[in-house]
Amino acid sequence: MANDGDVQSVDSLNWSVMSTYVYRFVGLETLPGRLADFDLQQFFQLGTGDVEAIRQRFRSDRRVAGALQLLFLRACGRPMDRSAVLPRNQLRYVAEVLQAPTLTIASLRSLYERRPTLYEHQQWARDYFGLRDLDPTAEMALVAMLGLPAAEAAHADELVTSACHWLYDPPHPDSRRTPCSGLGPRRVRRDRSQRQQGDHQRSLPFHDASLPRVCP
């Protein structure tokens, strides 16, 4: 299990190297059948704070599903739907950390056939990260950011990607106003700075190298 003492500081990573993979899962609706060990360790680790929150919120037979929602939102910047494919080694890892039976994809889909349960788990993950809907101020900042790329983009998909990345890791704390934003490296650094200054407000307990952002 990853914890604050086990992870490498975002500030110590070479940004030119990190930027080549930092958004690799952002915006995805599903994941590959198996994650590379590197990706599992960097993007899909549960911290001690995650585990504590999951155990407090969910009964034992729902904890793995809740953890998967948390990890998916943090890495992909969007809620996990019932049809999402999840890596087998991720399922095993989550079950081991939570000391629970491994949940199969079929079991997860069966659980989420009841839509209220799916929405409840998705909302919990959003609330856990303190994510909110886009407000007018953040919307104006996003539109302004897209002004320059819009003049040079060869395809609208490029603008969608730029918007997803900005929402996932907005440059200012006040920009965090979306259901899948404010999860990236800037927030990691702000949270670490708060901890160092003695601010005991709950901060994001995820692996420093996982740089998830939230897309519509």
N, C-alpha and C. Protein backbone atom coordinates (compact mmCIF):
# COMPACT_ATOMS: atom_id res chain seq x y z
N MET A 1 0.85 -1.18 0.00
CA MET A 1 0.00 0.00 0.00
C MET A 1 0.89 1.24 0.00
N ALA A 2 0.53 2.18 -0.83
CA ALA A 2 1.30 3.43 -0.88
C ALA A 2 0.87 4.34 0.24
N ASN A 3 1.81 5.06 0.82
CA ASN A 3 1.47 6.10 1.77
C ASN A 3 2.38 7.28 1.55
N ASP A 4 2.18 8.33 2.34
CA ASP A 4 2.91 9.57 2.10
C ASP A 4 4.40 9.38 2.16
N GLY A 5 4.87 8.41 2.94
CA GLY A 5 6.30 8.22 3.07
C GLY A 5 6.90 7.37 1.98
N ASP A 6 6.03 6.68 1.20
CA ASP A 6 6.53 5.75 0.21
C ASP A 6 6.70 6.36 -1.18
N VAL A 7 6.13 7.55 -1.41
CA VAL A 7 6.01 8.05 -2.76
C VAL A 7 7.07 9.10 -3.06
N GLN A 8 7.33 9.24 -4.34
CA GLN A 8 8.30 10.23 -4.80
C GLN A 8 7.61 11.56 -4.99
N SER A 9 8.23 12.63 -4.57
CA SER A 9 7.65 13.96 -4.67
C SER A 9 7.48 14.36 -6.12
N VAL A 10 6.30 14.95 -6.42
CA VAL A 10 6.09 15.49 -7.76
C VAL A 10 7.16 16.53 -8.07
N ASP A 11 7.52 17.33 -7.08
CA ASP A 11 8.49 18.39 -7.31
C ASP A 11 9.86 17.84 -7.66
N SER A 12 10.14 16.57 -7.28
CA SER A 12 11.45 16.01 -7.57
C SER A 12 11.51 15.36 -8.93
N LEU A 13 10.35 15.21 -9.58
CA LEU A 13 10.31 14.59 -10.89
C LEU A 13 10.65 15.61 -11.97
N ASN A 14 11.30 15.17 -13.00
CA ASN A 14 11.60 16.03 -14.14
C ASN A 14 10.32 16.23 -14.92
N TRP A 15 9.84 17.49 -14.98
CA TRP A 15 8.53 17.74 -15.60
C TRP A 15 8.49 17.35 -17.06
N SER A 16 9.59 17.54 -17.80
CA SER A 16 9.57 17.20 -19.22
C SER A 16 9.37 15.71 -19.42
N VAL A 17 9.84 14.90 -18.47
CA VAL A 17 9.63 13.46 -18.53
C VAL A 17 8.23 13.13 -18.05
N MET A 18 7.84 13.72 -16.92
CA MET A 18 6.54 13.41 -16.32
C MET A 18 5.40 13.78 -17.26
N SER A 19 5.54 14.88 -17.99
CA SER A 19 4.45 15.35 -18.82
C SER A 19 4.14 14.40 -19.97
N THR A 20 5.05 13.47 -20.28
CA THR A 20 4.80 12.52 -21.35
C THR A 20 3.81 11.44 -20.94
N TYR A 21 3.62 11.25 -19.63
CA TYR A 21 2.68 10.22 -19.21
C TYR A 21 1.68 10.69 -18.18
N VAL A 22 1.79 11.92 -17.73
CA VAL A 22 0.97 12.36 -16.61
C VAL A 22 -0.53 12.32 -16.91
N TYR A 23 -0.91 12.50 -18.17
CA TYR A 23 -2.33 12.53 -18.53
C TYR A 23 -2.74 11.27 -19.31
N ARG A 24 -2.00 10.22 -19.21
CA ARG A 24 -2.23 9.07 -20.09
C ARG A 24 -3.60 8.43 -19.91
N PHE A 25 -4.17 8.53 -18.71
CA PHE A 25 -5.48 7.91 -18.48
C PHE A 25 -6.62 8.93 -18.44
N VAL A 26 -6.30 10.19 -18.52
CA VAL A 26 -7.32 11.23 -18.39
C VAL A 26 -8.32 11.16 -19.55
N GLY A 27 -9.59 11.12 -19.20
CA GLY A 27 -10.65 11.11 -20.20
C GLY A 27 -11.08 9.74 -20.66
N LEU A 28 -10.34 8.69 -20.26
CA LEU A 28 -10.71 7.34 -20.70
C LEU A 28 -12.00 6.88 -20.03
N GLU A 29 -12.80 6.14 -20.78
CA GLU A 29 -14.04 5.59 -20.24
C GLU A 29 -13.86 4.16 -19.75
N THR A 30 -12.78 3.53 -20.16
CA THR A 30 -12.48 2.17 -19.75
C THR A 30 -10.98 1.99 -19.72
N LEU A 31 -10.51 0.93 -19.08
CA LEU A 31 -9.08 0.68 -18.93
C LEU A 31 -8.71 -0.63 -19.62
N PRO A 32 -7.43 -0.85 -19.88
CA PRO A 32 -7.01 -2.11 -20.50
C PRO A 32 -7.25 -3.30 -19.57
N GLY A 33 -7.23 -4.50 -20.14
CA GLY A 33 -7.46 -5.69 -19.33
C GLY A 33 -6.39 -5.93 -18.29
N ARG A 34 -5.21 -5.38 -18.50
CA ARG A 34 -4.13 -5.48 -17.53
C ARG A 34 -3.30 -4.21 -17.56
N LEU A 35 -2.91 -3.72 -16.39
CA LEU A 35 -2.05 -2.55 -16.28
C LEU A 35 -0.59 -2.99 -16.17
N ALA A 36 0.29 -2.21 -16.79
CA ALA A 36 1.71 -2.42 -16.55
C ALA A 36 1.99 -2.16 -15.07
N ASP A 37 2.95 -2.89 -14.51
CA ASP A 37 3.26 -2.71 -13.09
C ASP A 37 3.57 -1.25 -12.77
N PHE A 38 4.27 -0.58 -13.69
CA PHE A 38 4.60 0.84 -13.48
C PHE A 38 3.34 1.67 -13.36
N ASP A 39 2.38 1.45 -14.26
CA ASP A 39 1.13 2.23 -14.23
C ASP A 39 0.34 1.94 -12.97
N LEU A 40 0.30 0.69 -12.56
CA LEU A 40 -0.42 0.34 -11.34
C LEU A 40 0.17 1.05 -10.14
N GLN A 41 1.50 1.09 -10.07
CA GLN A 41 2.17 1.71 -8.94
C GLN A 41 2.07 3.23 -8.96
N GLN A 42 2.03 3.83 -10.13
CA GLN A 42 2.05 5.28 -10.23
C GLN A 42 0.66 5.91 -10.20
N PHE A 43 -0.33 5.24 -10.75
CA PHE A 43 -1.63 5.86 -10.95
C PHE A 43 -2.78 5.25 -10.16
N PHE A 44 -2.59 4.06 -9.61
CA PHE A 44 -3.73 3.35 -9.02
C PHE A 44 -3.42 2.80 -7.63
N GLN A 45 -2.71 3.56 -6.83
CA GLN A 45 -2.40 3.14 -5.47
C GLN A 45 -3.39 3.74 -4.47
N LEU A 46 -3.72 2.96 -3.47
CA LEU A 46 -4.56 3.44 -2.37
C LEU A 46 -3.66 3.85 -1.21
N GLY A 47 -3.82 5.08 -0.75
CA GLY A 47 -3.08 5.54 0.42
C GLY A 47 -3.80 5.16 1.70
N THR A 48 -3.16 5.36 2.81
CA THR A 48 -3.76 5.02 4.10
C THR A 48 -5.04 5.83 4.35
N GLY A 49 -5.04 7.08 3.90
CA GLY A 49 -6.24 7.91 4.04
C GLY A 49 -7.39 7.38 3.20
N ASP A 50 -7.07 6.90 1.99
CA ASP A 50 -8.09 6.31 1.13
C ASP A 50 -8.73 5.11 1.82
N VAL A 51 -7.89 4.22 2.31
CA VAL A 51 -8.38 2.98 2.91
C VAL A 51 -9.26 3.28 4.13
N GLU A 52 -8.83 4.22 4.94
CA GLU A 52 -9.61 4.58 6.13
C GLU A 52 -10.98 5.12 5.74
N ALA A 53 -11.00 6.01 4.73
CA ALA A 53 -12.27 6.60 4.29
C ALA A 53 -13.20 5.54 3.72
N ILE A 54 -12.64 4.61 2.96
CA ILE A 54 -13.45 3.54 2.35
C ILE A 54 -14.04 2.65 3.42
N ARG A 55 -13.25 2.29 4.42
CA ARG A 55 -13.74 1.40 5.48
C ARG A 55 -14.81 2.08 6.33
N GLN A 56 -14.69 3.40 6.49
CA GLN A 56 -15.69 4.12 7.27
C GLN A 56 -17.00 4.28 6.51
N ARG A 57 -16.90 4.42 5.19
CA ARG A 57 -18.09 4.72 4.40
C ARG A 57 -18.86 3.47 3.94
N PHE A 58 -18.15 2.39 3.59
CA PHE A 58 -18.80 1.24 2.96
C PHE A 58 -18.78 0.01 3.85
N ARG A 59 -19.82 -0.78 3.76
CA ARG A 59 -19.82 -2.07 4.42
C ARG A 59 -18.85 -2.99 3.68
N SER A 60 -18.49 -4.09 4.30
CA SER A 60 -17.38 -4.91 3.80
C SER A 60 -17.57 -5.39 2.37
N ASP A 61 -18.80 -5.72 1.97
CA ASP A 61 -19.01 -6.26 0.63
C ASP A 61 -19.09 -5.18 -0.45
N ARG A 62 -19.01 -3.90 -0.06
CA ARG A 62 -19.06 -2.81 -1.04
C ARG A 62 -17.73 -2.03 -1.11
N ARG A 63 -16.77 -2.39 -0.29
CA ARG A 63 -15.55 -1.58 -0.21
C ARG A 63 -14.71 -1.63 -1.47
N VAL A 64 -14.60 -2.81 -2.07
CA VAL A 64 -13.80 -2.91 -3.30
C VAL A 64 -14.41 -2.04 -4.40
N ALA A 65 -15.72 -2.07 -4.54
CA ALA A 65 -16.39 -1.25 -5.56
C ALA A 65 -16.16 0.23 -5.28
N GLY A 66 -16.27 0.65 -4.01
CA GLY A 66 -16.01 2.04 -3.68
C GLY A 66 -14.59 2.45 -3.98
N ALA A 67 -13.65 1.57 -3.69
CA ALA A 67 -12.24 1.86 -3.96
C ALA A 67 -11.98 1.99 -5.46
N LEU A 68 -12.62 1.14 -6.25
CA LEU A 68 -12.44 1.21 -7.70
C LEU A 68 -12.99 2.52 -8.26
N GLN A 69 -14.12 2.98 -7.71
CA GLN A 69 -14.65 4.28 -8.13
C GLN A 69 -13.65 5.40 -7.81
N LEU A 70 -13.08 5.35 -6.63
CA LEU A 70 -12.11 6.38 -6.22
C LEU A 70 -10.90 6.39 -7.15
N LEU A 71 -10.34 5.22 -7.41
CA LEU A 71 -9.14 5.13 -8.24
C LEU A 71 -9.42 5.53 -9.69
N PHE A 72 -10.57 5.13 -10.19
CA PHE A 72 -10.91 5.46 -11.58
C PHE A 72 -11.07 6.96 -11.75
N LEU A 73 -11.79 7.59 -10.83
CA LEU A 73 -11.98 9.03 -10.92
C LEU A 73 -10.66 9.77 -10.81
N ARG A 74 -9.80 9.33 -9.92
CA ARG A 74 -8.53 10.01 -9.72
C ARG A 74 -7.60 9.88 -10.92
N ALA A 75 -7.63 8.74 -11.58
CA ALA A 75 -6.73 8.52 -12.71
C ALA A 75 -7.31 9.02 -14.03
N CYS A 76 -8.62 8.85 -14.21
CA CYS A 76 -9.24 9.16 -15.50
C CYS A 76 -9.99 10.49 -15.50
N GLY A 77 -10.25 11.04 -14.32
CA GLY A 77 -10.93 12.32 -14.26
C GLY A 77 -12.40 12.25 -14.60
N ARG A 78 -12.97 11.07 -14.52
CA ARG A 78 -14.40 10.92 -14.80
C ARG A 78 -14.93 9.73 -13.99
N PRO A 79 -16.23 9.71 -13.70
CA PRO A 79 -16.78 8.59 -12.93
C PRO A 79 -16.69 7.28 -13.70
N MET A 80 -16.56 6.20 -12.97
CA MET A 80 -16.55 4.87 -13.58
C MET A 80 -17.97 4.39 -13.78
N ASP A 81 -18.31 4.03 -15.00
CA ASP A 81 -19.65 3.52 -15.30
C ASP A 81 -19.66 2.00 -15.11
N ARG A 82 -20.84 1.43 -15.12
CA ARG A 82 -20.96 -0.01 -14.88
C ARG A 82 -20.39 -0.84 -16.02
N SER A 83 -20.24 -0.25 -17.20
CA SER A 83 -19.74 -1.00 -18.35
C SER A 83 -18.23 -0.92 -18.51
N ALA A 84 -17.56 -0.21 -17.61
CA ALA A 84 -16.12 -0.03 -17.72
C ALA A 84 -15.38 -1.35 -17.55
N VAL A 85 -14.34 -1.53 -18.37
CA VAL A 85 -13.44 -2.67 -18.21
C VAL A 85 -12.34 -2.26 -17.24
N LEU A 86 -12.02 -3.14 -16.30
CA LEU A 86 -11.00 -2.85 -15.31
C LEU A 86 -9.91 -3.91 -15.37
N PRO A 87 -8.67 -3.51 -15.14
CA PRO A 87 -7.55 -4.46 -15.21
C PRO A 87 -7.64 -5.51 -14.11
N ARG A 88 -7.32 -6.74 -14.47
CA ARG A 88 -7.39 -7.83 -13.50
C ARG A 88 -6.41 -7.63 -12.35
N ASN A 89 -5.21 -7.12 -12.67
CA ASN A 89 -4.24 -6.92 -11.57
C ASN A 89 -4.66 -5.77 -10.67
N GLN A 90 -5.43 -4.81 -11.17
CA GLN A 90 -5.95 -3.75 -10.30
C GLN A 90 -7.00 -4.32 -9.35
N LEU A 91 -7.86 -5.18 -9.85
CA LEU A 91 -8.86 -5.81 -9.00
C LEU A 91 -8.21 -6.60 -7.88
N ARG A 92 -7.15 -7.35 -8.21
CA ARG A 92 -6.44 -8.13 -7.19
C ARG A 92 -5.78 -7.21 -6.17
N TYR A 93 -5.16 -6.15 -6.65
CA TYR A 93 -4.47 -5.23 -5.75
C TYR A 93 -5.44 -4.60 -4.75
N VAL A 94 -6.56 -4.11 -5.24
CA VAL A 94 -7.53 -3.46 -4.36
C VAL A 94 -8.05 -4.44 -3.31
N ALA A 95 -8.34 -5.67 -3.74
CA ALA A 95 -8.84 -6.67 -2.79
C ALA A 95 -7.79 -6.97 -1.72
N GLU A 96 -6.54 -7.05 -2.12
CA GLU A 96 -5.47 -7.34 -1.16
C GLU A 96 -5.32 -6.21 -0.14
N VAL A 97 -5.34 -4.97 -0.62
CA VAL A 97 -5.18 -3.83 0.28
C VAL A 97 -6.33 -3.76 1.29
N LEU A 98 -7.53 -4.03 0.81
CA LEU A 98 -8.70 -3.94 1.68
C LEU A 98 -8.99 -5.25 2.42
N GLN A 99 -8.15 -6.27 2.15
CA GLN A 99 -8.34 -7.58 2.79
C GLN A 99 -9.76 -8.08 2.55
N ALA A 100 -10.13 -8.05 1.28
CA ALA A 100 -11.48 -8.45 0.88
C ALA A 100 -11.39 -9.44 -0.28
N PRO A 101 -12.44 -10.21 -0.52
CA PRO A 101 -12.44 -11.11 -1.67
C PRO A 101 -12.33 -10.32 -2.97
N THR A 102 -11.63 -10.89 -3.95
CA THR A 102 -11.48 -10.22 -5.24
C THR A 102 -12.83 -10.09 -5.92
N LEU A 103 -13.11 -8.90 -6.42
CA LEU A 103 -14.38 -8.63 -7.10
C LEU A 103 -14.19 -8.84 -8.60
N THR A 104 -15.03 -9.63 -9.21
CA THR A 104 -14.95 -9.84 -10.65
C THR A 104 -15.71 -8.73 -11.38
N ILE A 105 -15.39 -8.58 -12.66
CA ILE A 105 -16.10 -7.59 -13.47
C ILE A 105 -17.59 -7.92 -13.51
N ALA A 106 -17.92 -9.20 -13.62
CA ALA A 106 -19.32 -9.61 -13.66
C ALA A 106 -20.04 -9.23 -12.36
N SER A 107 -19.35 -9.43 -11.23
CA SER A 107 -19.96 -9.09 -9.94
C SER A 107 -20.16 -7.58 -9.82
N LEU A 108 -19.18 -6.82 -10.32
CA LEU A 108 -19.28 -5.36 -10.26
C LEU A 108 -20.45 -4.87 -11.10
N ARG A 109 -20.58 -5.42 -12.29
CA ARG A 109 -21.69 -5.01 -13.16
C ARG A 109 -23.04 -5.40 -12.57
N SER A 110 -23.06 -6.56 -11.92
CA SER A 110 -24.30 -6.98 -11.26
C SER A 110 -24.65 -6.03 -10.13
N LEU A 111 -23.65 -5.62 -9.36
CA LEU A 111 -23.88 -4.67 -8.27
C LEU A 111 -24.44 -3.36 -8.80
N TYR A 112 -23.88 -2.89 -9.93
CA TYR A 112 -24.26 -1.60 -10.46
C TYR A 112 -25.46 -1.66 -11.41
N GLU A 113 -26.07 -2.83 -11.53
CA GLU A 113 -27.34 -2.88 -12.25
C GLU A 113 -28.38 -2.02 -11.55
N ARG A 114 -28.21 -1.90 -10.26
CA ARG A 114 -29.07 -0.99 -9.50
C ARG A 114 -28.48 0.40 -9.59
N ARG A 115 -29.06 1.22 -10.42
CA ARG A 115 -28.51 2.54 -10.72
C ARG A 115 -28.30 3.41 -9.48
N PRO A 116 -29.22 3.41 -8.52
CA PRO A 116 -28.97 4.24 -7.33
C PRO A 116 -27.67 3.89 -6.62
N THR A 117 -27.30 2.60 -6.62
CA THR A 117 -26.04 2.20 -6.00
C THR A 117 -24.86 2.77 -6.78
N LEU A 118 -24.92 2.70 -8.10
CA LEU A 118 -23.85 3.25 -8.94
C LEU A 118 -23.71 4.75 -8.70
N TYR A 119 -24.82 5.48 -8.74
CA TYR A 119 -24.77 6.93 -8.56
C TYR A 119 -24.29 7.30 -7.16
N GLU A 120 -24.69 6.52 -6.17
CA GLU A 120 -24.26 6.78 -4.81
C GLU A 120 -22.75 6.64 -4.68
N HIS A 121 -22.17 5.60 -5.29
CA HIS A 121 -20.73 5.39 -5.24
C HIS A 121 -19.99 6.47 -6.02
N GLN A 122 -20.52 6.84 -7.18
CA GLN A 122 -19.89 7.89 -7.97
C GLN A 122 -19.89 9.21 -7.21
N GLN A 123 -21.01 9.53 -6.57
CA GLN A 123 -21.11 10.79 -5.83
C GLN A 123 -20.18 10.78 -4.64
N TRP A 124 -20.03 9.65 -3.98
CA TRP A 124 -19.12 9.58 -2.85
C TRP A 124 -17.69 9.90 -3.28
N ALA A 125 -17.27 9.35 -4.41
CA ALA A 125 -15.91 9.62 -4.91
C ALA A 125 -15.73 11.10 -5.21
N ARG A 126 -16.73 11.72 -5.82
CA ARG A 126 -16.67 13.16 -6.09
C ARG A 126 -16.56 13.95 -4.80
N ASP A 127 -17.39 13.60 -3.83
CA ASP A 127 -17.37 14.32 -2.56
C ASP A 127 -16.04 14.11 -1.83
N TYR A 128 -15.50 12.93 -1.95
CA TYR A 128 -14.24 12.62 -1.27
C TYR A 128 -13.12 13.56 -1.73
N PHE A 129 -13.11 13.86 -3.02
CA PHE A 129 -12.11 14.77 -3.57
C PHE A 129 -12.54 16.23 -3.53
N GLY A 130 -13.74 16.49 -3.04
CA GLY A 130 -14.20 17.87 -2.96
C GLY A 130 -14.46 18.51 -4.31
N LEU A 131 -14.91 17.71 -5.28
CA LEU A 131 -15.12 18.22 -6.64
C LEU A 131 -16.51 18.83 -6.76
N ARG A 132 -16.59 19.89 -7.57
CA ARG A 132 -17.86 20.60 -7.75
C ARG A 132 -18.10 20.86 -9.23
N ASP A 133 -19.33 21.21 -9.54
CA ASP A 133 -19.65 21.52 -10.93
C ASP A 133 -18.98 22.83 -11.34
N LEU A 134 -18.78 22.97 -12.62
CA LEU A 134 -18.13 24.15 -13.18
C LEU A 134 -18.98 25.39 -12.89
N ASP A 135 -18.35 26.40 -12.28
CA ASP A 135 -19.08 27.64 -12.02
C ASP A 135 -18.71 28.69 -13.07
N PRO A 136 -19.42 29.82 -13.14
CA PRO A 136 -19.16 30.81 -14.20
C PRO A 136 -17.73 31.33 -14.22
N THR A 137 -17.11 31.51 -13.06
CA THR A 137 -15.74 32.03 -13.02
C THR A 137 -14.77 31.04 -13.65
N ALA A 138 -14.90 29.77 -13.28
CA ALA A 138 -14.02 28.75 -13.85
C ALA A 138 -14.30 28.56 -15.34
N GLU A 139 -15.57 28.67 -15.73
CA GLU A 139 -15.92 28.54 -17.14
C GLU A 139 -15.25 29.63 -17.98
N MET A 140 -15.24 30.85 -17.46
CA MET A 140 -14.59 31.95 -18.18
C MET A 140 -13.08 31.70 -18.28
N ALA A 141 -12.49 31.17 -17.22
CA ALA A 141 -11.05 30.88 -17.25
C ALA A 141 -10.74 29.79 -18.27
N LEU A 142 -11.62 28.80 -18.35
CA LEU A 142 -11.42 27.72 -19.32
C LEU A 142 -11.53 28.24 -20.75
N VAL A 143 -12.53 29.06 -21.01
CA VAL A 143 -12.70 29.63 -22.35
C VAL A 143 -11.50 30.48 -22.73
N ALA A 144 -11.01 31.26 -21.78
CA ALA A 144 -9.84 32.09 -22.05
C ALA A 144 -8.62 31.24 -22.36
N MET A 145 -8.45 30.14 -21.62
CA MET A 145 -7.32 29.26 -21.85
C MET A 145 -7.38 28.64 -23.24
N LEU A 146 -8.58 28.35 -23.74
CA LEU A 146 -8.73 27.71 -25.05
C LEU A 146 -8.59 28.70 -26.21
N GLY A 147 -8.48 29.99 -25.91
CA GLY A 147 -8.42 30.98 -26.97
C GLY A 147 -7.27 30.78 -27.92
N LEU A 148 -6.06 30.61 -27.38
CA LEU A 148 -4.87 30.45 -28.23
C LEU A 148 -4.88 29.12 -28.97
N PRO A 149 -5.10 27.98 -28.30
CA PRO A 149 -5.15 26.72 -29.03
C PRO A 149 -6.21 26.69 -30.11
N ALA A 150 -7.34 27.40 -29.89
CA ALA A 150 -8.43 27.38 -30.86
C ALA A 150 -7.98 27.95 -32.20
N ALA A 151 -7.06 28.91 -32.17
CA ALA A 151 -6.60 29.53 -33.41
C ALA A 151 -5.66 28.63 -34.18
N GLU A 152 -5.07 27.63 -33.50
CA GLU A 152 -4.06 26.80 -34.15
C GLU A 152 -4.45 25.33 -34.25
N ALA A 153 -5.52 24.93 -33.59
CA ALA A 153 -5.89 23.52 -33.56
C ALA A 153 -6.32 23.03 -34.93
N ALA A 154 -5.84 21.84 -35.27
CA ALA A 154 -6.21 21.24 -36.55
C ALA A 154 -7.55 20.54 -36.47
N HIS A 155 -7.96 20.18 -35.27
CA HIS A 155 -9.22 19.44 -35.10
C HIS A 155 -9.80 19.78 -33.74
N ALA A 156 -11.12 19.71 -33.65
CA ALA A 156 -11.79 20.03 -32.40
C ALA A 156 -11.37 19.11 -31.26
N ASP A 157 -10.94 17.88 -31.61
CA ASP A 157 -10.52 16.94 -30.58
C ASP A 157 -9.33 17.49 -29.78
N GLU A 158 -8.49 18.28 -30.43
CA GLU A 158 -7.35 18.87 -29.74
C GLU A 158 -7.82 19.82 -28.64
N LEU A 159 -8.89 20.55 -28.90
CA LEU A 159 -9.43 21.47 -27.90
C LEU A 159 -10.08 20.70 -26.75
N VAL A 160 -10.74 19.60 -27.08
CA VAL A 160 -11.34 18.77 -26.03
C VAL A 160 -10.24 18.24 -25.11
N THR A 161 -9.15 17.78 -25.70
CA THR A 161 -8.04 17.26 -24.91
C THR A 161 -7.44 18.36 -24.03
N SER A 162 -7.25 19.54 -24.59
CA SER A 162 -6.71 20.66 -23.82
C SER A 162 -7.63 21.02 -22.66
N ALA A 163 -8.94 21.01 -22.93
CA ALA A 163 -9.90 21.33 -21.87
C ALA A 163 -9.86 20.28 -20.76
N CYS A 164 -9.79 19.02 -21.14
CA CYS A 164 -9.71 17.95 -20.14
C CYS A 164 -8.48 18.10 -19.27
N HIS A 165 -7.35 18.39 -19.87
CA HIS A 165 -6.11 18.54 -19.11
C HIS A 165 -6.18 19.74 -18.17
N TRP A 166 -6.75 20.83 -18.64
CA TRP A 166 -6.88 22.02 -17.78
C TRP A 166 -7.81 21.75 -16.61
N LEU A 167 -8.93 21.09 -16.89
CA LEU A 167 -9.89 20.77 -15.84
C LEU A 167 -9.31 19.79 -14.83
N TYR A 168 -8.49 18.90 -15.32
CA TYR A 168 -7.88 17.90 -14.45
C TYR A 168 -6.84 18.53 -13.53
N ASP A 169 -6.16 19.54 -14.00
CA ASP A 169 -5.10 20.17 -13.21
C ASP A 169 -5.14 21.68 -13.41
N PRO A 170 -6.20 22.35 -12.92
CA PRO A 170 -6.34 23.79 -13.14
C PRO A 170 -5.20 24.55 -12.47
N PRO A 171 -4.80 25.70 -13.03
CA PRO A 171 -3.63 26.42 -12.53
C PRO A 171 -3.84 27.10 -11.19
N HIS A 172 -5.10 27.36 -10.82
CA HIS A 172 -5.36 28.10 -9.58
C HIS A 172 -6.38 27.33 -8.74
N PRO A 173 -6.27 27.39 -7.41
CA PRO A 173 -7.23 26.68 -6.56
C PRO A 173 -8.67 27.05 -6.85
N ASP A 174 -8.93 28.32 -7.18
CA ASP A 174 -10.31 28.75 -7.43
C ASP A 174 -10.86 28.19 -8.72
N SER A 175 -10.00 27.56 -9.54
CA SER A 175 -10.47 26.97 -10.79
C SER A 175 -11.07 25.59 -10.59
N ARG A 176 -10.98 25.03 -9.40
CA ARG A 176 -11.44 23.67 -9.17
C ARG A 176 -12.96 23.67 -9.00
N ARG A 177 -13.65 23.57 -10.11
CA ARG A 177 -15.10 23.67 -10.03
C ARG A 177 -15.79 22.61 -10.89
N THR A 178 -15.14 21.53 -11.22
CA THR A 178 -15.76 20.56 -12.09
C THR A 178 -15.86 19.21 -11.42
N PRO A 179 -16.74 18.33 -11.97
CA PRO A 179 -16.88 17.01 -11.37
C PRO A 179 -15.64 16.18 -11.54
N CYS A 180 -14.72 16.57 -12.36
CA CYS A 180 -13.52 15.76 -12.53
C CYS A 180 -12.30 16.64 -12.67
N SER A 181 -12.13 17.66 -11.86
CA SER A 181 -10.97 18.52 -11.97
C SER A 181 -10.29 18.74 -10.65
N GLY A 182 -9.12 19.35 -10.69
CA GLY A 182 -8.40 19.66 -9.48
C GLY A 182 -7.79 18.45 -8.83
N LEU A 183 -7.39 17.44 -9.62
CA LEU A 183 -6.81 16.23 -9.06
C LEU A 183 -5.35 16.08 -9.43
N GLY A 184 -4.78 17.03 -10.14
CA GLY A 184 -3.47 16.88 -10.71
C GLY A 184 -2.32 17.33 -9.84
N PRO A 185 -1.12 17.47 -10.44
CA PRO A 185 0.09 17.75 -9.68
C PRO A 185 0.08 19.08 -8.95
N ARG A 186 -0.61 20.08 -9.49
CA ARG A 186 -0.65 21.36 -8.78
C ARG A 186 -1.35 21.20 -7.43
N ARG A 187 -2.40 20.41 -7.39
CA ARG A 187 -3.09 20.20 -6.11
C ARG A 187 -2.22 19.39 -5.16
N VAL A 188 -1.48 18.43 -5.69
CA VAL A 188 -0.56 17.66 -4.85
C VAL A 188 0.41 18.59 -4.15
N ARG A 189 0.99 19.53 -4.92
CA ARG A 189 1.98 20.45 -4.33
C ARG A 189 1.33 21.38 -3.32
N ARG A 190 0.11 21.86 -3.61
CA ARG A 190 -0.58 22.74 -2.66
C ARG A 190 -0.87 22.00 -1.36
N ASP A 191 -1.33 20.74 -1.48
CA ASP A 191 -1.65 19.97 -0.29
C ASP A 191 -0.41 19.70 0.55
N ARG A 192 0.70 19.41 -0.12
CA ARG A 192 1.93 19.16 0.62
C ARG A 192 2.40 20.43 1.33
N SER A 193 2.26 21.56 0.66
CA SER A 193 2.66 22.83 1.26
C SER A 193 1.82 23.12 2.50
N GLN A 194 0.50 22.83 2.43
CA GLN A 194 -0.37 23.04 3.57
C GLN A 194 0.03 22.16 4.74
N ARG A 195 0.37 20.91 4.45
CA ARG A 195 0.80 20.01 5.52
C ARG A 195 2.08 20.51 6.18
N GLN A 196 3.01 21.00 5.36
CA GLN A 196 4.27 21.49 5.90
C GLN A 196 4.09 22.74 6.74
N GLN A 197 3.04 23.51 6.42
CA GLN A 197 2.76 24.74 7.16
C GLN A 197 1.86 24.49 8.37
N GLY A 198 1.56 23.22 8.62
CA GLY A 198 0.76 22.89 9.79
C GLY A 198 -0.72 22.96 9.57
N ASP A 199 -1.15 23.06 8.30
CA ASP A 199 -2.58 23.07 8.01
C ASP A 199 -3.06 21.63 8.02
N HIS A 200 -3.96 21.31 8.93
CA HIS A 200 -4.38 19.93 9.10
C HIS A 200 -5.67 19.62 8.37
N GLN A 201 -6.08 20.47 7.44
CA GLN A 201 -7.25 20.14 6.65
C GLN A 201 -6.94 18.90 5.83
N ARG A 202 -7.97 18.07 5.60
CA ARG A 202 -7.74 16.83 4.87
C ARG A 202 -7.29 17.13 3.44
N SER A 203 -6.22 16.52 3.05
CA SER A 203 -5.68 16.72 1.71
C SER A 203 -5.80 15.41 0.93
N LEU A 204 -5.52 15.50 -0.37
CA LEU A 204 -5.62 14.31 -1.20
C LEU A 204 -4.55 13.31 -0.82
N PRO A 205 -4.95 12.09 -0.44
CA PRO A 205 -3.98 11.09 0.00
C PRO A 205 -3.53 10.17 -1.10
N PHE A 206 -3.47 10.67 -2.37
CA PHE A 206 -3.10 9.74 -3.43
C PHE A 206 -1.61 9.79 -3.73
N HIS A 207 -1.18 8.78 -4.46
CA HIS A 207 0.21 8.65 -4.86
C HIS A 207 0.63 9.90 -5.62
N ASP A 208 1.76 10.49 -5.24
CA ASP A 208 2.17 11.77 -5.81
C ASP A 208 2.30 11.74 -7.32
N ALA A 209 2.65 10.59 -7.89
CA ALA A 209 2.87 10.55 -9.32
C ALA A 209 1.61 10.28 -10.10
N SER A 210 0.48 10.03 -9.43
CA SER A 210 -0.76 9.88 -10.16
C SER A 210 -1.33 11.27 -10.37
N LEU A 211 -1.52 11.65 -11.62
CA LEU A 211 -1.88 13.02 -11.92
C LEU A 211 -3.21 13.07 -12.63
N PRO A 212 -4.29 12.71 -11.95
CA PRO A 212 -5.59 12.64 -12.57
C PRO A 212 -6.28 13.97 -12.66
N ARG A 213 -7.05 14.17 -13.67
CA ARG A 213 -7.84 15.38 -13.81
C ARG A 213 -9.24 14.99 -14.24
N VAL A 214 -10.18 15.93 -14.11
CA VAL A 214 -11.55 15.53 -14.38
C VAL A 214 -12.10 16.14 -15.65
N CYS A 215 -12.65 15.30 -16.52
CA CYS A 215 -13.22 15.76 -17.77
C CYS A 215 -14.72 15.57 -17.75
N PRO A 216 -15.42 16.40 -18.52
CA PRO A 216 -16.88 16.28 -18.57
C PRO A 216 -17.29 14.92 -19.11
